[in-house]
């Protein structure tokens, strides 16, 4: 709903959010927050988890109502009562979890609000033609309008979401962690599209924890911390170090903490592990007190190799040795009994039970040692174990009895790690351990990894972030097409070497 008179005479900004306050149960989520986005710019909204980014965007979309503050679009004051008001004002939010209906076609998803234009019968020819026109405009005309969206890649599903926004004549587009599950090639495709939308005058708010993306695609950045503004800066005027300092509120003396762990004997070794066409004769080893990185492009077989090792996928061949003893792992339960446990890449669906108490999440893998012969849990032992792991991993919580969903992403990841430690395993497999957590939480997780290898754990770490591989690993095995393409020792772990091995580029 619009005020009758514009509040701004000369309008430079597409969007102005001024003096926004929002509280939940007496706790301030936003305090006097301002956000201005120019016409035709990509504007980063950054801050640690819990800084207020999501709350601010929900107010912009109409999902929440601000306690105080004003919103202006093209200089006109706007009042939102619900998300449909936001859509009518040209605002579309594309969340990390896409809101598409998988059994409907691309065309049906894009025009779900207006399939029949008020008529009794849908004009399918016109619907498919209009869908193809939108896809062509975005240079994605090869996506079939009549294909079910569940059959599309995640990258193409995002394109469908953007088309849906454009079909609603959206001029303000909000993207929340849009590349979290995309390959590097798919991310570049998305960036190309966003640049074209910017050239056409669309204003884009870009939320991401990946600083390299912000410096690659964004024009300006607004930083939030603890629900308040820190500053709005031109990207060309700052560097990553300064931006991180603004986000976490302290000088960042180091990003990857130094490690002085003592590397010991080999404790885990796999030889010629194979699984269908995705994993082919994979062999590697890891020593006590060592971090072995598994690198490679998306689709190289990294996660598939771990799933075969853990018994989640049936192996076609190969052997596994733990502490110089061959073990036969046919299921994840076998792996756990053998001393091998996994931190999965998808925290929310595989790493933690969001709707269970934090205490149960932490203790669940150690119930056997916490129970008597009759299977009755000793609550005193459980409480002691939970308290010890909360202190050890510096998990920030109000009460162990709160649901895990009450925690920030970084603290949820710490809970998932504590679950592994409760199982008393000596070999830990970390698959994308810092995915979806803010920069401050990343540093805390790096410290936890260093502490664990210092205690003698052996860690195998998959990561899509090359700087993380370079900064944290003692050795790296690089995969390509389901095979180990090569191994790098600490002094040889460079971005160039990782790319060369992962892409099959040979030195001339």
Protein backbone atom coordinates (compact mmCIF):
# COMPACT_ATOMS: atom_id res chain seq x y z
CA UNK A 1 0.00 0.00 0.00
CA UNK A 2 1.37 3.44 -0.99
CA UNK A 3 1.19 6.77 0.79
CA UNK A 4 -0.54 9.36 -1.40
CA UNK A 5 2.50 11.67 -1.52
CA UNK A 6 6.15 10.78 -2.16
CA UNK A 7 8.42 11.42 0.82
CA UNK A 8 11.55 11.99 -1.26
CA UNK A 9 11.73 14.66 -3.95
CA UNK A 10 14.75 13.43 -5.87
CA UNK A 11 15.12 9.67 -5.87
CA UNK A 12 18.54 8.07 -6.34
CA UNK A 13 17.80 4.85 -4.48
CA UNK A 14 15.43 2.11 -5.54
CA UNK A 15 14.97 1.06 -1.92
CA UNK A 16 15.36 2.84 1.40
CA UNK A 17 14.74 1.11 4.73
CA UNK A 18 15.06 3.65 7.55
CA UNK A 19 15.21 3.24 11.30
CA UNK A 20 13.96 -0.36 11.33
CA UNK A 21 13.33 -1.92 14.76
CA UNK A 22 12.13 -5.46 15.46
CA UNK A 23 11.90 -7.38 18.74
CA UNK A 24 10.91 -10.94 19.59
CA UNK A 25 9.89 -11.61 23.17
CA UNK A 26 11.64 -8.49 24.39
CA UNK A 27 14.89 -9.33 22.59
CA UNK A 28 15.96 -6.81 19.95
CA UNK A 29 16.65 -8.46 16.60
CA UNK A 30 17.04 -5.13 14.78
CA UNK A 31 17.86 -1.73 16.28
CA UNK A 32 17.60 1.38 14.10
CA UNK A 33 18.79 -0.41 10.95
CA UNK A 34 19.11 1.48 7.65
CA UNK A 35 19.55 -0.06 4.21
CA UNK A 36 19.68 1.83 0.90
CA UNK A 37 19.95 0.07 -2.45
CA UNK A 38 20.51 1.95 -5.69
CA UNK A 39 18.77 1.27 -8.95
CA UNK A 40 20.70 -1.31 -10.96
CA UNK A 41 23.23 -2.39 -8.34
CA UNK A 42 24.17 -5.64 -6.64
CA UNK A 43 24.28 -4.83 -2.94
CA UNK A 44 25.77 -7.30 -0.45
CA UNK A 45 24.11 -7.71 2.94
CA UNK A 46 26.67 -9.31 5.25
CA UNK A 47 27.18 -10.20 8.89
CA UNK A 48 27.57 -13.19 11.16
CA UNK A 49 24.67 -15.57 11.76
CA UNK A 50 22.26 -13.80 14.09
CA UNK A 51 23.30 -10.33 12.87
CA UNK A 52 19.75 -9.62 11.66
CA UNK A 53 20.04 -10.14 7.89
CA UNK A 54 17.15 -12.62 7.61
CA UNK A 55 14.88 -10.58 9.89
CA UNK A 56 15.50 -7.44 7.82
CA UNK A 57 14.72 -9.26 4.57
CA UNK A 58 11.54 -10.77 6.02
CA UNK A 59 10.40 -7.25 6.89
CA UNK A 60 11.21 -6.16 3.33
CA UNK A 61 9.23 -9.09 1.89
CA UNK A 62 6.22 -8.47 4.13
CA UNK A 63 6.61 -11.71 6.09
CA UNK A 64 7.33 -9.67 9.27
CA UNK A 65 6.06 -6.25 10.28
CA UNK A 66 8.61 -3.82 11.70
CA UNK A 67 7.95 -2.44 15.19
CA UNK A 68 9.26 0.92 14.01
CA UNK A 69 10.74 2.35 10.83
CA UNK A 70 9.86 3.25 7.28
CA UNK A 71 10.31 1.66 3.85
CA UNK A 72 10.51 3.67 0.62
CA UNK A 73 10.50 2.28 -2.94
CA UNK A 74 11.27 4.80 -5.69
CA UNK A 75 10.83 7.54 -3.10
CA UNK A 76 7.33 6.46 -2.09
CA UNK A 77 6.57 5.27 1.41
CA UNK A 78 5.28 1.69 1.50
CA UNK A 79 3.26 -0.21 4.11
CA UNK A 80 3.35 -4.01 4.01
CA UNK A 81 0.71 -6.18 5.69
CA UNK A 82 1.69 -9.54 4.17
CA UNK A 83 4.07 -11.11 1.60
CA UNK A 84 1.64 -10.49 -1.26
CA UNK A 85 2.04 -6.75 -0.61
CA UNK A 86 5.78 -7.20 -1.12
CA UNK A 87 5.27 -9.10 -4.39
CA UNK A 88 2.89 -6.39 -5.65
CA UNK A 89 5.60 -3.80 -4.98
CA UNK A 90 8.08 -5.73 -7.10
CA UNK A 91 10.01 -7.48 -4.33
CA UNK A 92 10.98 -11.15 -4.70
CA UNK A 93 13.06 -13.18 -2.23
CA UNK A 94 14.79 -16.36 -3.39
CA UNK A 95 15.70 -18.34 -0.30
CA UNK A 96 18.41 -20.95 0.10
CA UNK A 97 15.69 -23.63 0.21
CA UNK A 98 13.96 -23.12 -3.14
CA UNK A 99 10.15 -22.78 -3.11
CA UNK A 100 9.31 -24.71 -6.27
CA UNK A 101 6.78 -27.50 -6.75
CA UNK A 102 8.77 -30.37 -8.16
CA UNK A 103 5.91 -32.19 -9.88
CA UNK A 104 4.88 -29.06 -11.80
CA UNK A 105 6.56 -27.97 -15.02
CA UNK A 106 8.86 -24.99 -15.43
CA UNK A 107 6.01 -22.97 -17.01
CA UNK A 108 3.55 -23.90 -14.27
CA UNK A 109 5.99 -22.88 -11.54
CA UNK A 110 6.82 -19.56 -13.18
CA UNK A 111 3.19 -18.55 -13.72
CA UNK A 112 1.65 -20.32 -10.72
CA UNK A 113 -0.03 -17.05 -9.61
CA UNK A 114 -1.78 -16.56 -12.95
CA UNK A 115 -1.99 -19.77 -14.95
CA UNK A 116 -5.23 -18.97 -16.76
CA UNK A 117 -5.29 -15.15 -16.69
CA UNK A 118 -8.72 -15.26 -15.06
CA UNK A 119 -10.20 -17.54 -17.73
CA UNK A 120 -11.66 -20.99 -17.27
CA UNK A 121 -9.24 -22.73 -19.62
CA UNK A 122 -5.44 -22.46 -19.58
CA UNK A 123 -3.91 -21.44 -22.89
CA UNK A 124 -0.94 -23.82 -22.77
CA UNK A 125 0.56 -22.63 -26.05
CA UNK A 126 0.63 -19.04 -24.82
CA UNK A 127 1.91 -20.11 -21.36
CA UNK A 128 4.80 -22.12 -22.82
CA UNK A 129 5.59 -19.35 -25.32
CA UNK A 130 5.77 -16.69 -22.59
CA UNK A 131 7.93 -19.01 -20.46
CA UNK A 132 10.32 -19.59 -23.35
CA UNK A 133 10.50 -15.83 -23.97
CA UNK A 134 11.55 -15.21 -20.35
CA UNK A 135 14.13 -18.00 -20.47
CA UNK A 136 15.50 -16.69 -23.76
CA UNK A 137 15.89 -13.21 -22.28
CA UNK A 138 18.06 -14.70 -19.54
CA UNK A 139 20.10 -16.77 -22.07
CA UNK A 140 18.70 -20.00 -20.65
CA UNK A 141 16.35 -20.80 -23.53
CA UNK A 142 17.60 -24.41 -23.59
CA UNK A 143 15.60 -25.16 -20.40
CA UNK A 144 12.36 -26.83 -21.61
CA UNK A 145 9.19 -25.01 -20.50
CA UNK A 146 7.31 -28.31 -20.15
CA UNK A 147 9.89 -30.15 -18.02
CA UNK A 148 9.13 -31.03 -14.39
CA UNK A 149 11.31 -28.86 -12.15
CA UNK A 150 12.38 -31.78 -9.94
CA UNK A 151 14.24 -33.13 -12.97
CA UNK A 152 16.32 -29.94 -13.28
CA UNK A 153 19.68 -29.31 -11.63
CA UNK A 154 19.67 -27.02 -8.59
CA UNK A 155 21.29 -24.30 -10.71
CA UNK A 156 18.48 -24.46 -13.26
CA UNK A 157 15.88 -24.51 -10.49
CA UNK A 158 17.32 -21.20 -9.32
CA UNK A 159 16.93 -19.82 -12.84
CA UNK A 160 13.25 -20.86 -12.72
CA UNK A 161 12.87 -18.99 -9.41
CA UNK A 162 14.41 -15.87 -10.97
CA UNK A 163 12.10 -16.22 -14.00
CA UNK A 164 9.15 -16.44 -11.63
CA UNK A 165 10.28 -13.20 -10.02
CA UNK A 166 10.63 -11.48 -13.41
CA UNK A 167 7.19 -12.71 -14.48
CA UNK A 168 5.86 -10.73 -11.52
CA UNK A 169 7.71 -7.65 -12.78
CA UNK A 170 10.03 -7.70 -9.78
CA UNK A 171 12.52 -4.86 -9.68
CA UNK A 172 14.09 -5.77 -6.32
CA UNK A 173 15.55 -9.27 -6.10
CA UNK A 174 16.89 -10.78 -2.86
CA UNK A 175 19.14 -13.85 -3.08
CA UNK A 176 20.01 -15.75 0.11
CA UNK A 177 23.19 -17.90 -0.18
CA UNK A 178 22.44 -18.61 -3.87
CA UNK A 179 25.62 -20.60 -4.61
CA UNK A 180 25.67 -22.85 -1.53
CA UNK A 181 24.97 -26.00 -3.58
CA UNK A 182 26.29 -24.88 -6.98
CA UNK A 183 29.46 -25.95 -8.75
CA UNK A 184 31.99 -23.28 -9.72
CA UNK A 185 30.75 -23.39 -13.34
CA UNK A 186 27.11 -23.06 -12.28
CA UNK A 187 27.99 -20.16 -9.97
CA UNK A 188 29.66 -18.35 -12.87
CA UNK A 189 26.49 -18.85 -14.95
CA UNK A 190 24.47 -17.31 -12.14
CA UNK A 191 26.88 -14.38 -11.83
CA UNK A 192 26.58 -13.70 -15.55
CA UNK A 193 22.79 -13.60 -15.22
CA UNK A 194 22.94 -11.26 -12.22
CA UNK A 195 25.23 -8.89 -14.12
CA UNK A 196 22.76 -8.79 -17.02
CA UNK A 197 19.88 -8.11 -14.64
CA UNK A 198 21.90 -5.28 -13.07
CA UNK A 199 22.51 -3.77 -16.50
CA UNK A 200 18.76 -3.87 -17.11
CA UNK A 201 18.11 -1.88 -13.93
CA UNK A 202 17.18 -4.62 -11.45
CA UNK A 203 18.31 -3.95 -7.87
CA UNK A 204 19.76 -7.08 -6.27
CA UNK A 205 20.40 -7.72 -2.56
CA UNK A 206 22.99 -10.49 -2.28
CA UNK A 207 23.42 -12.42 0.99
CA UNK A 208 26.44 -14.71 1.22
CA UNK A 209 29.12 -15.88 3.65
CA UNK A 210 31.51 -16.41 0.73
CA UNK A 211 33.65 -13.30 0.64
CA UNK A 212 35.20 -14.10 -2.75
CA UNK A 213 31.73 -13.96 -4.30
CA UNK A 214 30.96 -10.60 -2.69
CA UNK A 215 34.15 -9.09 -4.12
CA UNK A 216 33.48 -10.69 -7.53
CA UNK A 217 29.85 -9.64 -8.03
CA UNK A 218 28.80 -6.84 -5.66
CA UNK A 219 29.03 -3.04 -5.95
CA UNK A 220 28.50 -2.11 -2.30
CA UNK A 221 28.04 -3.89 1.03
CA UNK A 222 26.02 -3.11 4.13
CA UNK A 223 27.38 -4.77 7.27
CA UNK A 224 25.15 -5.71 10.22
CA UNK A 225 26.37 -6.82 13.64
CA UNK A 226 24.12 -7.74 16.59
CA UNK A 227 21.08 -6.26 14.85
CA UNK A 228 22.66 -2.87 14.17
CA UNK A 229 24.35 -1.11 11.26
CA UNK A 230 28.13 -1.11 11.18
CA UNK A 231 28.61 0.66 7.85
CA UNK A 232 27.82 0.68 4.12
CA UNK A 233 30.93 0.64 1.96
CA UNK A 234 31.95 0.57 -1.70
CA UNK A 235 33.46 -2.85 -2.45
CA UNK A 236 36.27 -1.24 -4.45
CA UNK A 237 37.36 0.71 -1.35
CA UNK A 238 37.92 -2.26 1.02
CA UNK A 239 39.56 -5.68 1.17
CA UNK A 240 38.47 -8.99 2.68
CA UNK A 241 40.36 -8.38 5.91
CA UNK A 242 38.61 -5.07 6.57
CA UNK A 243 35.20 -6.51 5.74
CA UNK A 244 35.73 -9.43 8.12
CA UNK A 245 36.84 -7.05 10.88
CA UNK A 246 33.63 -5.06 10.41
CA UNK A 247 31.51 -8.22 10.58
CA UNK A 248 33.03 -9.75 13.71
CA UNK A 249 33.87 -6.50 15.54
CA UNK A 250 37.51 -7.26 16.23
CA UNK A 251 40.83 -7.23 14.45
CA UNK A 252 41.37 -10.48 12.58
CA UNK A 253 45.00 -11.32 13.31
CA UNK A 254 44.73 -14.63 11.50
CA UNK A 255 42.10 -16.46 9.48
CA UNK A 256 43.51 -19.98 9.61
CA UNK A 257 44.97 -20.51 13.09
CA UNK A 258 48.43 -22.02 13.27
CA UNK A 259 48.80 -25.65 14.28
CA UNK A 260 51.66 -27.46 15.98
CA UNK A 261 50.22 -30.95 16.19
CA UNK A 262 52.55 -33.92 16.11
CA UNK A 263 51.83 -36.21 13.17
CA UNK A 264 52.20 -39.85 14.11
CA UNK A 265 51.65 -43.27 12.57
CA UNK A 266 49.10 -44.20 9.90
CA UNK A 267 45.76 -45.00 11.56
CA UNK A 268 43.44 -45.22 8.56
CA UNK A 269 44.06 -46.53 5.06
CA UNK A 270 41.81 -47.39 2.13
CA UNK A 271 43.04 -49.31 -0.91
CA UNK A 272 41.36 -49.58 -4.33
CA UNK A 273 37.86 -48.61 -3.15
CA UNK A 274 35.41 -48.78 -6.06
CA UNK A 275 31.70 -48.08 -6.35
CA UNK A 276 29.99 -48.14 -9.75
CA UNK A 277 31.17 -45.46 -12.16
CA UNK A 278 31.55 -42.76 -9.51
CA UNK A 279 34.44 -44.18 -7.45
CA UNK A 280 37.30 -46.01 -9.18
CA UNK A 281 40.18 -47.65 -7.30
CA UNK A 282 40.53 -44.87 -4.75
CA UNK A 283 43.42 -45.23 -2.31
CA UNK A 284 44.66 -42.89 0.42
CA UNK A 285 45.77 -42.86 4.05
CA UNK A 286 45.73 -40.49 7.02
CA UNK A 287 48.00 -40.37 10.06
CA UNK A 288 47.32 -39.62 13.69
CA UNK A 289 47.33 -35.86 14.27
CA UNK A 290 46.96 -35.10 10.55
CA UNK A 291 44.35 -33.31 8.42
CA UNK A 292 44.08 -34.91 5.00
CA UNK A 293 42.14 -32.83 2.49
CA UNK A 294 40.04 -34.37 -0.28
CA UNK A 295 39.74 -31.81 -3.06
CA UNK A 296 38.23 -31.77 -6.53
CA UNK A 297 35.44 -30.24 -8.57
CA UNK A 298 31.77 -30.92 -7.84
CA UNK A 299 31.02 -34.32 -9.39
CA UNK A 300 34.59 -35.58 -9.00
CA UNK A 301 33.46 -38.33 -6.61
CA UNK A 302 34.64 -36.89 -3.29
CA UNK A 303 31.46 -37.44 -1.25
CA UNK A 304 30.69 -40.66 -3.13
CA UNK A 305 34.05 -42.08 -2.05
CA UNK A 306 33.26 -41.36 1.61
CA UNK A 307 29.78 -42.92 1.25
CA UNK A 308 31.35 -46.09 -0.14
CA UNK A 309 33.94 -46.20 2.65
CA UNK A 310 31.22 -45.75 5.30
CA UNK A 311 29.06 -48.51 3.81
CA UNK A 312 26.24 -46.14 2.88
CA UNK A 313 26.81 -47.19 -0.76
CA UNK A 314 27.75 -50.75 -1.63
CA UNK A 315 31.41 -51.14 -2.58
CA UNK A 316 32.42 -53.13 -5.64
CA UNK A 317 35.87 -53.76 -4.22
CA UNK A 318 38.69 -52.50 -2.04
CA UNK A 319 39.93 -52.81 1.53
CA UNK A 320 39.93 -50.64 4.66
CA UNK A 321 42.43 -50.77 7.52
CA UNK A 322 42.10 -48.98 10.86
CA UNK A 323 45.07 -49.11 13.25
CA UNK A 324 46.76 -51.63 10.93
CA UNK A 325 43.79 -54.01 11.17
CA UNK A 326 41.53 -54.78 8.23
CA UNK A 327 37.89 -53.99 8.92
CA UNK A 328 34.78 -54.92 6.96
CA UNK A 329 32.32 -52.04 6.77
CA UNK A 330 28.95 -52.79 5.20
CA UNK A 331 26.91 -50.03 6.86
CA UNK A 332 27.43 -46.75 8.76
CA UNK A 333 26.82 -48.70 11.99
CA UNK A 334 29.79 -50.95 11.13
CA UNK A 335 31.86 -47.81 10.48
CA UNK A 336 30.92 -46.32 13.84
CA UNK A 337 31.83 -49.54 15.65
CA UNK A 338 35.18 -49.56 13.86
CA UNK A 339 35.97 -46.03 15.06
CA UNK A 340 35.00 -44.06 11.93
CA UNK A 341 32.38 -41.29 11.91
CA UNK A 342 31.14 -38.65 9.48
CA UNK A 343 30.18 -34.99 9.71
CA UNK A 344 27.83 -34.78 6.70
CA UNK A 345 27.72 -31.81 4.32
CA UNK A 346 24.00 -31.11 4.87
CA UNK A 347 23.82 -30.01 8.49
CA UNK A 348 20.06 -29.43 8.66
CA UNK A 349 18.88 -32.74 7.22
CA UNK A 350 21.73 -35.08 8.16
CA UNK A 351 23.93 -33.48 10.81
CA UNK A 352 21.53 -32.61 13.62
CA UNK A 353 17.94 -33.23 14.71
CA UNK A 354 16.61 -29.68 14.63
CA UNK A 355 13.46 -30.40 16.64
CA UNK A 356 15.21 -32.37 19.39
CA UNK A 357 16.91 -30.91 22.48
CA UNK A 358 20.57 -29.96 22.11
CA UNK A 359 21.46 -32.41 24.89
CA UNK A 360 19.89 -35.34 23.03
CA UNK A 361 21.70 -34.36 19.82
CA UNK A 362 25.05 -34.41 21.62
CA UNK A 363 24.54 -37.64 23.56
CA UNK A 364 22.73 -39.73 20.95
CA UNK A 365 25.84 -41.36 19.50
CA UNK A 366 27.12 -42.33 22.96
CA UNK A 367 23.96 -43.86 24.42
CA UNK A 368 25.52 -47.30 24.73
CA UNK A 369 28.16 -46.14 27.19
CA UNK A 370 25.60 -44.00 29.02
CA UNK A 371 23.14 -46.87 29.55
CA UNK A 372 23.08 -49.89 31.83
CA UNK A 373 22.54 -53.49 30.78
CA UNK A 374 18.78 -52.93 30.70
CA UNK A 375 19.15 -49.99 28.32
CA UNK A 376 18.25 -47.34 30.89
CA UNK A 377 20.13 -44.07 30.36
CA UNK A 378 22.08 -42.71 33.31
CA UNK A 379 20.95 -39.06 33.16
CA UNK A 380 23.75 -37.92 35.46
CA UNK A 381 26.36 -39.36 33.11
CA UNK A 382 24.54 -37.90 30.11
CA UNK A 383 24.43 -34.43 31.69
CA UNK A 384 28.14 -34.63 32.52
CA UNK A 385 28.99 -35.69 28.97
CA UNK A 386 26.87 -32.92 27.42
CA UNK A 387 28.31 -30.28 29.77
CA UNK A 388 31.85 -31.40 28.97
CA UNK A 389 31.37 -31.24 25.19
CA UNK A 390 29.53 -27.90 25.33
CA UNK A 391 32.53 -26.46 27.21
CA UNK A 392 35.08 -28.18 24.98
CA UNK A 393 33.58 -26.85 21.74
CA UNK A 394 32.42 -23.49 23.19
CA UNK A 395 28.81 -24.04 22.07
CA UNK A 396 26.79 -20.88 22.75
CA UNK A 397 23.34 -21.80 24.06
CA UNK A 398 20.75 -20.77 26.61
CA UNK A 399 19.91 -24.25 27.83
CA UNK A 400 20.86 -27.79 26.71
CA UNK A 401 17.12 -28.54 26.79
CA UNK A 402 16.36 -26.04 24.02
CA UNK A 403 15.76 -27.48 20.56
CA UNK A 404 18.79 -27.50 18.27
CA UNK A 405 16.87 -25.21 15.90
CA UNK A 406 17.31 -22.39 18.45
CA UNK A 407 21.05 -22.25 17.70
CA UNK A 408 22.90 -20.33 15.00
CA UNK A 409 24.28 -22.30 12.05
CA UNK A 410 27.79 -22.30 13.49
CA UNK A 411 26.64 -23.62 16.86
CA UNK A 412 24.49 -26.28 15.17
CA UNK A 413 27.64 -27.41 13.37
CA UNK A 414 29.49 -27.58 16.70
CA UNK A 415 26.69 -29.77 18.05
CA UNK A 416 27.09 -32.06 15.03
CA UNK A 417 30.84 -32.30 15.73
CA UNK A 418 30.23 -33.00 19.42
CA UNK A 419 27.99 -35.90 18.40
CA UNK A 420 31.00 -37.46 16.66
CA UNK A 421 33.17 -37.02 19.73
CA UNK A 422 30.54 -38.69 21.89
CA UNK A 423 30.95 -41.83 19.81
CA UNK A 424 34.64 -42.15 20.75
CA UNK A 425 35.82 -42.51 17.16
CA UNK A 426 39.48 -41.92 16.30
CA UNK A 427 39.01 -41.13 12.59
CA UNK A 428 36.69 -38.24 11.70
CA UNK A 429 35.40 -37.52 8.19
CA UNK A 430 34.38 -33.88 7.73
CA UNK A 431 32.38 -33.19 4.57
CA UNK A 432 32.19 -29.39 3.95
CA UNK A 433 32.59 -28.57 7.69
CA UNK A 434 32.07 -24.80 7.31
CA UNK A 435 29.32 -24.73 4.68
CA UNK A 436 26.63 -22.16 5.49
CA UNK A 437 28.32 -20.68 8.58
CA UNK A 438 29.60 -17.14 9.00
CA UNK A 439 33.25 -16.13 9.05
CA UNK A 440 33.47 -15.95 12.86
CA UNK A 441 32.05 -19.48 13.20
CA UNK A 442 34.44 -20.71 10.51
CA UNK A 443 37.43 -19.57 12.55
CA UNK A 444 36.02 -21.31 15.64
CA UNK A 445 35.55 -24.55 13.68
CA UNK A 446 39.13 -24.31 12.37
CA UNK A 447 40.30 -24.01 15.99
CA UNK A 448 38.25 -27.08 16.93
CA UNK A 449 39.85 -29.06 14.08
CA UNK A 450 43.31 -27.98 15.27
CA UNK A 451 42.48 -28.98 18.86
CA UNK A 452 41.21 -32.39 17.74
CA UNK A 453 44.29 -33.29 15.71
CA UNK A 454 46.37 -32.00 18.62
CA UNK A 455 44.62 -34.62 20.76
CA UNK A 456 45.55 -37.35 18.27
CA UNK A 457 42.44 -37.58 16.09
CA UNK A 458 42.95 -38.22 12.38
CA UNK A 459 40.75 -36.01 10.20
CA UNK A 460 39.79 -36.33 6.55
CA UNK A 461 38.24 -33.11 5.26
CA UNK A 462 36.34 -32.48 2.03
CA UNK A 463 35.99 -28.83 1.08
CA UNK A 464 34.97 -26.93 -2.05
CA UNK A 465 36.82 -23.83 -0.81
CA UNK A 466 40.41 -23.94 -2.04
CA UNK A 467 41.61 -21.41 0.54
CA UNK A 468 40.22 -23.68 3.27
CA UNK A 469 42.08 -26.66 1.82
CA UNK A 470 45.29 -24.61 1.56
CA UNK A 471 44.96 -23.13 5.06
CA UNK A 472 43.94 -26.26 7.00
CA UNK A 473 45.40 -29.39 5.40
CA UNK A 474 48.72 -31.16 5.91
CA UNK A 475 48.28 -33.17 2.70
CA UNK A 476 45.66 -33.17 -0.07
CA UNK A 477 44.39 -35.96 -2.30
CA UNK A 478 42.79 -34.43 -5.42
CA UNK A 479 40.00 -36.35 -7.17
CA UNK A 480 38.92 -36.21 -10.80
CA UNK A 481 36.35 -38.43 -12.55
CA UNK A 482 36.06 -40.72 -9.53
CA UNK A 483 39.80 -41.31 -9.22
CA UNK A 484 42.71 -39.88 -7.23
CA UNK A 485 44.39 -37.55 -9.73
CA UNK A 486 47.33 -36.80 -7.46
CA UNK A 487 48.50 -35.95 -3.97
CA UNK A 488 50.06 -32.73 -2.69
CA UNK A 489 52.18 -32.29 0.43
CA UNK A 490 51.93 -29.14 2.56
CA UNK A 491 54.52 -27.09 0.67
CA UNK A 492 52.90 -27.92 -2.70
CA UNK A 493 49.29 -27.10 -1.76
CA UNK A 494 48.63 -24.07 -3.93
CA UNK A 495 45.58 -22.88 -5.83
CA UNK A 496 47.35 -23.47 -9.14
CA UNK A 497 48.31 -27.05 -8.28
CA UNK A 498 44.82 -27.86 -6.99
CA UNK A 499 43.21 -26.52 -10.17
CA UNK A 500 45.69 -28.28 -12.43
CA UNK A 501 45.07 -31.66 -10.81
CA UNK A 502 41.29 -31.27 -10.52
CA UNK A 503 40.97 -30.24 -14.20
CA UNK A 504 43.60 -32.59 -15.61
CA UNK A 505 45.93 -29.80 -16.69
CA UNK A 506 49.46 -31.15 -17.05
CA UNK A 507 52.56 -29.01 -16.58
CA UNK A 508 54.24 -28.19 -19.86
